[in-house]
Amino acid sequence: MKVFEANITNPAIDFFDNSNELLLETLNSELKSICGINSFFTTQLEIDALTTAILSKKNLIGETDRAEYGDFQTNKQLSDAVCKLLMKQYISPEVIIEPTCGQGNFIISCLNTFEDIKFIYGIEVYKPYVWEAKFAILDYFLNNTKD
């Protein structure tokens, strides 16, 4: 399913669908405690749009081919390989800076590989990818809770 022109996973859909509190400050606080993203939503209108899209399930807009504009996403295999190479060199960063995070593949690979991460900074100018990265990070933490 797509929301804000971004793919959203079923666990993330279920999370929002089952949330009792959908007010900006409260939901952002809960999301920060789950996945560490500050200001997951910037406005209440974004939350309302998300819940409307989930309820209607009508948001099936096709994704444009952004490759014609020079947009190439780092695939999961490459980002996993980079992280494994760093681990082999005994590099385990506490801070990850991803200046072109796209859909978040490298960030997810880092989360899967490095245990010492304290901060992740992801920058992306294309808004649908910002949402895909946020949903991917939320999905990661919903599926990888530390008990």
Protein backbone atom coordinates (compact mmCIF):
# COMPACT_ATOMS: atom_id res chain seq x y z
CA MET A 1 0.00 0.00 0.00
CA LYS A 2 1.17 3.54 -0.67
CA VAL A 3 0.69 6.57 1.57
CA PHE A 4 2.19 9.96 0.70
CA GLU A 5 3.45 8.26 -2.49
CA ALA A 6 5.54 5.97 -0.26
CA ASN A 7 5.22 2.25 0.37
CA ILE A 8 4.08 1.40 3.88
CA THR A 9 4.50 -2.07 5.35
CA ASN A 10 1.72 -4.14 6.88
CA PRO A 11 3.22 -3.99 10.41
CA ALA A 12 3.33 -0.18 10.16
CA ILE A 13 -0.27 -0.12 8.85
CA ASP A 14 -1.35 -2.34 11.75
CA PHE A 15 0.48 -0.12 14.23
CA PHE A 16 -1.31 3.03 13.06
CA ASP A 17 -4.61 1.22 12.62
CA ASN A 18 -4.45 -0.05 16.22
CA SER A 19 -3.15 3.16 17.80
CA ASN A 20 -5.47 4.49 20.47
CA GLU A 21 -3.96 7.97 20.41
CA LEU A 22 -3.64 9.80 17.12
CA LEU A 23 -2.80 13.28 18.36
CA LEU A 24 0.43 14.78 17.02
CA GLU A 25 2.41 15.23 20.23
CA THR A 26 1.35 11.93 21.81
CA LEU A 27 1.84 9.84 18.68
CA ASN A 28 5.22 11.44 17.93
CA SER A 29 6.31 10.70 21.49
CA GLU A 30 5.23 7.06 21.17
CA LEU A 31 6.95 6.69 17.79
CA LYS A 32 10.15 8.23 19.16
CA SER A 33 10.16 5.68 21.98
CA ILE A 34 9.69 2.85 19.45
CA CYS A 35 12.03 3.84 16.63
CA GLY A 36 13.85 6.98 17.76
CA ILE A 37 12.61 9.30 15.00
CA ASN A 38 12.08 12.85 16.24
CA SER A 39 8.92 14.42 14.80
CA PHE A 40 7.80 11.41 12.74
CA PHE A 41 4.83 13.59 11.77
CA THR A 42 5.21 17.35 11.37
CA THR A 43 1.50 18.21 11.42
CA GLN A 44 -1.79 16.74 12.59
CA LEU A 45 -2.90 16.89 8.96
CA GLU A 46 -0.28 14.26 8.07
CA ILE A 47 -1.68 11.92 10.72
CA ASP A 48 -5.22 12.52 9.51
CA ALA A 49 -4.19 11.90 5.89
CA LEU A 50 -2.45 8.67 6.88
CA THR A 51 -5.40 7.32 8.83
CA THR A 52 -7.78 8.27 6.02
CA ALA A 53 -5.60 6.47 3.48
CA ILE A 54 -5.39 3.38 5.66
CA LEU A 55 -9.14 3.34 6.19
CA SER A 56 -10.01 3.85 2.55
CA LYS A 57 -7.15 1.77 1.08
CA LYS A 58 -7.65 3.78 -2.09
CA ASN A 59 -4.20 5.33 -2.25
CA LEU A 60 -2.74 3.18 -5.01
CA ILE A 61 -0.89 5.81 -7.06
CA GLY A 62 1.82 4.35 -9.29
CA GLU A 63 5.40 5.36 -8.56
CA THR A 64 7.13 7.44 -11.20
CA ASP A 65 10.37 6.23 -12.72
CA ARG A 66 12.78 8.51 -10.91
CA ALA A 67 15.82 6.90 -12.59
CA GLU A 68 15.30 9.24 -15.52
CA TYR A 69 16.18 12.06 -13.10
CA GLY A 70 19.33 10.34 -11.85
CA ASP A 71 17.66 8.75 -8.82
CA PHE A 72 19.25 5.38 -8.07
CA GLN A 73 18.57 3.70 -4.74
CA THR A 74 21.26 1.78 -2.89
CA ASN A 75 19.97 -1.78 -2.92
CA LYS A 76 19.84 -3.88 0.22
CA GLN A 77 22.56 -6.29 -0.94
CA LEU A 78 25.06 -3.44 -1.43
CA SER A 79 24.21 -1.71 1.85
CA ASP A 80 24.47 -5.04 3.71
CA ALA A 81 27.85 -5.71 2.06
CA VAL A 82 29.18 -2.27 3.06
CA CYS A 83 28.11 -2.82 6.67
CA LYS A 84 29.68 -6.30 6.75
CA LEU A 85 32.93 -4.90 5.36
CA LEU A 86 33.00 -2.27 8.10
CA MET A 87 32.35 -4.93 10.74
CA LYS A 88 35.25 -7.03 9.37
CA GLN A 89 37.45 -3.97 9.88
CA TYR A 90 36.18 -3.71 13.49
CA ILE A 91 34.29 -0.51 12.75
CA SER A 92 31.06 -0.17 14.72
CA PRO A 93 29.89 3.45 14.58
CA GLU A 94 27.79 5.17 17.22
CA VAL A 95 26.63 7.82 14.74
CA ILE A 96 25.37 7.15 11.21
CA ILE A 97 25.11 10.05 8.76
CA GLU A 98 23.29 9.21 5.54
CA PRO A 99 23.21 12.37 3.36
CA THR A 100 21.01 10.81 0.68
CA CYS A 101 18.99 8.24 2.61
CA GLY A 102 16.37 7.60 -0.07
CA GLN A 103 14.08 4.79 1.05
CA GLY A 104 16.32 3.96 4.01
CA ASN A 105 18.08 0.77 2.85
CA PHE A 106 21.49 1.77 4.23
CA ILE A 107 19.95 2.89 7.53
CA ILE A 108 18.17 -0.47 7.92
CA SER A 109 21.38 -2.34 7.08
CA CYS A 110 23.19 -0.31 9.76
CA LEU A 111 20.48 -1.09 12.31
CA ASN A 112 20.76 -4.79 11.45
CA THR A 113 24.56 -4.78 11.70
CA PHE A 114 25.81 -2.35 14.34
CA GLU A 115 24.83 -2.63 18.00
CA ASP A 116 26.48 0.59 19.22
CA ILE A 117 24.39 3.08 17.20
CA LYS A 118 23.21 6.01 19.29
CA PHE A 119 22.15 8.49 16.57
CA ILE A 120 21.17 8.26 12.93
CA TYR A 121 20.88 11.32 10.73
CA GLY A 122 19.16 10.71 7.41
CA ILE A 123 18.72 13.47 4.84
CA GLU A 124 16.45 13.19 1.80
CA VAL A 125 14.86 15.87 -0.38
CA TYR A 126 12.23 13.69 -2.07
CA LYS A 127 9.29 13.64 0.37
CA PRO A 128 7.88 10.19 -0.60
CA TYR A 129 11.29 8.65 0.17
CA VAL A 130 11.37 10.44 3.52
CA TRP A 131 8.12 8.67 4.35
CA GLU A 132 9.37 5.31 3.03
CA ALA A 133 12.49 5.62 5.18
CA LYS A 134 10.41 6.51 8.25
CA PHE A 135 8.04 3.59 7.63
CA ALA A 136 11.01 1.23 7.09
CA ILE A 137 12.62 2.32 10.36
CA LEU A 138 9.34 1.97 12.23
CA ASP A 139 8.83 -1.47 10.67
CA TYR A 140 12.34 -2.48 11.75
CA PHE A 141 11.67 -1.58 15.38
CA LEU A 142 8.17 -3.10 15.39
CA ASN A 143 9.70 -6.38 14.22
CA ASN A 144 12.91 -6.25 16.28
CA THR A 145 11.90 -5.32 19.80
CA LYS A 146 14.48 -5.98 22.49
CA ASP A 147 12.81 -7.67 25.42
